[in-house]
Amino acid sequence: MSAEVPASALVELPVFPLPQVTLFPRAVMPLHIFEPRYRAMLADAMATHRCMALAPIVNDDEPPAIARVAGLGVVMKHEALPDGRSYIVLRGLARVALDELPFVSPYRRARARVLVEQPTPVTDVERAALRAAAAGFVAEVRRRDLEVELELPEKLDVGSVADLCAAHIVLDADVRQQALEELDVAERVRLVTGELVSQTARLTSARGGMN
């Protein structure tokens, strides 16, 4: 995925701080842009490389501190509204390490470095366990008549499978961020698998208590 990142975007990458939000490579995320500073950020991005980083907020300071590892995404859809607001869809391209630059109004920027994952071996059993854990959690959610969508193509590499699972069905924001920061593919697979198994167990237990 990193090959798709324009080099020009990494020099002075616009940063969009958001609470409990994690953008993973390959994942898509819809956003509503309405604050004036982020309208300006979007306009600058659209006029250049169309990229921005979604950086989780890590405390309540003013301005809030952001995570040092974020998801870099490209605007793949942009719907401008007459009043200046916009609806956009970001597609995750890469994990990046952020080195925040001195603030220049109206929005934050950072020098970014693409993080390359470590393709550690993942056994067939671990691959199957990840997909089974994802399917089990989705099935348990649907028992509650809740809609959840998760498409995991068969030929998708296992690191990307873990990323999409983390993006769409891992509920804990801290675990999602941990998965984003985990460059060791095998460790990320184990982390996401274990979290999905735990989530399913909690839902199953809660359902049993209601019987």
Protein backbone atom coordinates (compact mmCIF):
# COMPACT_ATOMS: atom_id res chain seq x y z
CA MET A 1 0.00 0.00 0.00
CA SER A 2 2.81 2.44 0.76
CA ALA A 3 3.76 2.65 -2.93
CA GLU A 4 0.55 4.61 -3.48
CA VAL A 5 1.53 7.41 -1.08
CA PRO A 6 2.66 10.56 -2.92
CA ALA A 7 6.07 11.62 -1.64
CA SER A 8 4.88 15.24 -1.58
CA ALA A 9 2.21 14.35 0.98
CA LEU A 10 4.76 13.18 3.54
CA VAL A 11 6.61 16.49 3.76
CA GLU A 12 3.77 18.48 5.29
CA LEU A 13 0.83 16.13 5.82
CA PRO A 14 -2.47 17.64 7.00
CA VAL A 15 -3.54 16.09 10.32
CA PHE A 16 -7.16 15.57 11.30
CA PRO A 17 -7.29 14.75 15.05
CA LEU A 18 -10.31 12.67 16.01
CA PRO A 19 -11.21 10.80 19.20
CA GLN A 20 -11.32 6.99 19.03
CA VAL A 21 -10.88 6.87 15.26
CA THR A 22 -8.36 4.64 13.50
CA LEU A 23 -7.83 4.46 9.75
CA PHE A 24 -6.24 1.25 8.47
CA PRO A 25 -4.71 0.51 5.07
CA ARG A 26 -7.39 -0.67 2.60
CA ALA A 27 -10.23 0.43 4.89
CA VAL A 28 -12.60 3.22 3.85
CA MET A 29 -14.02 5.85 6.17
CA PRO A 30 -16.78 8.40 5.51
CA LEU A 31 -16.35 11.81 7.15
CA HIS A 32 -18.43 14.96 7.47
CA ILE A 33 -16.23 18.07 7.15
CA PHE A 34 -17.89 21.12 8.68
CA GLU A 35 -15.49 23.11 10.88
CA PRO A 36 -13.86 26.05 9.02
CA ARG A 37 -10.32 24.87 9.81
CA TYR A 38 -10.98 21.43 8.37
CA ARG A 39 -12.76 22.90 5.36
CA ALA A 40 -9.49 24.76 4.71
CA MET A 41 -7.51 21.58 5.28
CA LEU A 42 -9.66 19.67 2.80
CA ALA A 43 -9.39 22.44 0.21
CA ASP A 44 -5.59 22.40 0.47
CA ALA A 45 -5.48 18.61 0.23
CA MET A 46 -7.77 18.53 -2.79
CA ALA A 47 -5.61 21.12 -4.52
CA THR A 48 -2.47 19.01 -4.04
CA HIS A 49 -2.09 15.34 -3.12
CA ARG A 50 -5.61 14.64 -1.71
CA CYS A 51 -4.08 13.04 1.40
CA MET A 52 -4.46 13.54 5.13
CA ALA A 53 -3.70 11.67 8.34
CA LEU A 54 -6.40 10.64 10.78
CA ALA A 55 -4.69 10.85 14.15
CA PRO A 56 -6.39 9.59 17.32
CA ILE A 57 -6.54 12.09 20.19
CA VAL A 58 -4.79 10.68 23.25
CA ASN A 59 -5.67 13.21 25.98
CA ASP A 60 -7.85 16.19 26.87
CA ASP A 61 -5.15 18.85 26.69
CA GLU A 62 -5.64 21.98 24.63
CA PRO A 63 -4.60 21.45 21.94
CA PRO A 64 -5.02 17.70 22.43
CA ALA A 65 -2.01 15.46 21.95
CA ILE A 66 -2.26 12.99 19.09
CA ALA A 67 -0.96 9.46 18.61
CA ARG A 68 2.45 9.26 16.99
CA VAL A 69 1.26 6.52 14.63
CA ALA A 70 -1.70 7.32 12.40
CA GLY A 71 -3.43 6.17 9.25
CA LEU A 72 -2.74 8.09 6.06
CA GLY A 73 -5.66 8.19 3.66
CA VAL A 74 -6.52 9.62 0.28
CA VAL A 75 -9.82 11.30 -0.56
CA MET A 76 -11.52 8.93 -2.98
CA LYS A 77 -14.90 10.66 -2.92
CA HIS A 78 -15.75 14.31 -2.29
CA GLU A 79 -19.24 15.77 -2.20
CA ALA A 80 -19.19 19.53 -1.67
CA LEU A 81 -22.38 21.07 -0.22
CA PRO A 82 -23.66 24.59 -1.03
CA ASP A 83 -23.00 25.84 2.53
CA GLY A 84 -19.31 24.94 2.45
CA ARG A 85 -19.55 21.61 4.26
CA SER A 86 -18.40 18.41 2.57
CA TYR A 87 -18.91 14.70 2.77
CA ILE A 88 -15.80 12.73 1.91
CA VAL A 89 -14.68 9.13 1.85
CA LEU A 90 -11.08 8.34 2.76
CA ARG A 91 -9.31 5.18 1.67
CA GLY A 92 -6.47 4.12 3.91
CA LEU A 93 -3.11 3.88 2.18
CA ALA A 94 -0.49 3.35 4.88
CA ARG A 95 0.57 3.46 8.48
CA VAL A 96 2.67 6.53 9.16
CA ALA A 97 4.80 7.86 12.01
CA LEU A 98 4.07 11.54 12.61
CA ASP A 99 6.53 14.23 13.60
CA GLU A 100 4.27 17.22 14.22
CA LEU A 101 5.40 20.50 12.72
CA PRO A 102 5.11 23.96 14.33
CA PHE A 103 1.48 25.05 14.13
CA VAL A 104 0.47 27.18 11.17
CA SER A 105 -3.17 28.29 11.29
CA PRO A 106 -5.74 27.00 10.75
CA TYR A 107 -4.89 23.27 11.04
CA ARG A 108 -2.17 20.92 12.25
CA ARG A 109 0.48 19.38 10.02
CA ALA A 110 3.19 16.76 10.43
CA ARG A 111 6.18 15.33 8.67
CA ALA A 112 5.26 11.71 8.03
CA ARG A 113 7.20 8.50 7.49
CA VAL A 114 5.59 5.40 6.01
CA LEU A 115 5.87 2.42 8.34
CA VAL A 116 6.66 -0.89 6.67
CA GLU A 117 5.21 -4.01 8.22
CA GLN A 118 7.32 -7.06 9.03
CA PRO A 119 6.03 -10.05 7.03
CA THR A 120 6.55 -12.61 9.79
CA PRO A 121 5.26 -16.14 9.08
CA VAL A 122 1.61 -16.86 9.86
CA THR A 123 0.54 -20.49 9.93
CA ASP A 124 -2.47 -21.85 8.09
CA VAL A 125 -4.06 -22.54 11.48
CA GLU A 126 -3.64 -18.91 12.51
CA ARG A 127 -5.05 -17.68 9.20
CA ALA A 128 -8.09 -19.90 9.61
CA ALA A 129 -8.50 -18.88 13.25
CA LEU A 130 -8.60 -15.19 12.33
CA ARG A 131 -11.29 -15.70 9.69
CA ALA A 132 -13.26 -17.99 12.02
CA ALA A 133 -13.08 -15.44 14.85
CA ALA A 134 -14.34 -12.72 12.52
CA ALA A 135 -17.18 -14.89 11.22
CA GLY A 136 -18.12 -15.91 14.76
CA PHE A 137 -18.33 -12.33 15.97
CA VAL A 138 -20.35 -11.19 12.94
CA ALA A 139 -22.76 -14.11 13.43
CA GLU A 140 -23.22 -13.26 17.11
CA VAL A 141 -23.92 -9.62 16.31
CA ARG A 142 -26.50 -10.63 13.70
CA ARG A 143 -28.30 -12.74 16.30
CA ARG A 144 -29.33 -9.39 17.75
CA ASP A 145 -30.79 -8.32 14.42
CA LEU A 146 -27.99 -5.80 13.99
CA GLU A 147 -26.46 -5.22 10.60
CA VAL A 148 -22.73 -5.60 10.21
CA GLU A 149 -20.84 -5.77 6.95
CA LEU A 150 -17.41 -7.35 6.57
CA GLU A 151 -16.00 -8.50 3.25
CA LEU A 152 -12.76 -10.46 3.42
CA PRO A 153 -11.71 -11.61 -0.07
CA GLU A 154 -10.19 -15.08 -0.08
CA LYS A 155 -6.99 -13.95 -1.81
CA LEU A 156 -6.37 -11.03 0.56
CA ASP A 157 -3.07 -11.26 2.43
CA VAL A 158 -3.43 -12.09 6.12
CA GLY A 159 -2.06 -8.77 7.35
CA SER A 160 -4.76 -6.94 5.40
CA VAL A 161 -7.39 -9.35 6.72
CA ALA A 162 -6.33 -8.44 10.25
CA ASP A 163 -6.44 -4.75 9.34
CA LEU A 164 -9.97 -4.92 7.94
CA CYS A 165 -11.18 -6.91 10.93
CA ALA A 166 -9.65 -4.35 13.28
CA ALA A 167 -11.10 -1.46 11.29
CA HIS A 168 -14.65 -2.76 11.08
CA ILE A 169 -15.38 -5.12 13.98
CA VAL A 170 -12.86 -4.54 16.78
CA LEU A 171 -14.81 -2.41 19.24
CA ASP A 172 -12.14 -1.17 21.62
CA ALA A 173 -10.41 1.97 20.29
CA ASP A 174 -7.23 1.21 22.25
CA VAL A 175 -6.99 -2.25 20.71
CA ARG A 176 -7.57 -0.80 17.25
CA GLN A 177 -4.72 1.62 17.80
CA GLN A 178 -2.52 -1.20 19.10
CA ALA A 179 -3.28 -3.15 15.92
CA LEU A 180 -2.41 -0.12 13.80
CA GLU A 181 0.93 0.26 15.57
CA GLU A 182 1.79 -3.45 15.38
CA LEU A 183 4.11 -3.90 12.40
CA ASP A 184 4.75 -7.60 13.05
CA VAL A 185 2.09 -9.28 10.94
CA ALA A 186 1.93 -12.48 12.99
CA GLU A 187 1.57 -10.55 16.23
CA ARG A 188 -1.16 -8.38 14.72
CA VAL A 189 -3.05 -11.48 13.56
CA ARG A 190 -2.88 -12.95 17.07
CA LEU A 191 -3.93 -9.67 18.67
CA VAL A 192 -6.98 -9.22 16.45
CA THR A 193 -7.97 -12.90 16.65
CA GLY A 194 -7.81 -12.86 20.45
CA GLU A 195 -9.82 -9.66 20.69
CA LEU A 196 -12.56 -10.97 18.40
CA VAL A 197 -12.79 -14.22 20.37
CA SER A 198 -13.13 -12.18 23.58
CA GLN A 199 -15.77 -9.92 22.08
CA THR A 200 -17.79 -12.91 20.91
CA ALA A 201 -17.54 -14.56 24.33
CA ARG A 202 -18.81 -11.43 26.04
CA LEU A 203 -21.76 -11.17 23.67
CA THR A 204 -22.57 -14.85 24.05
CA SER A 205 -22.42 -14.55 27.84
CA ALA A 206 -24.69 -11.51 27.80
CA ARG A 207 -27.18 -13.31 25.57
CA GLY A 208 -27.18 -16.30 27.90
CA GLY A 209 -27.90 -14.03 30.86
CA MET A 210 -30.98 -12.69 29.13
CA ASN A 211 -32.52 -16.11 28.61
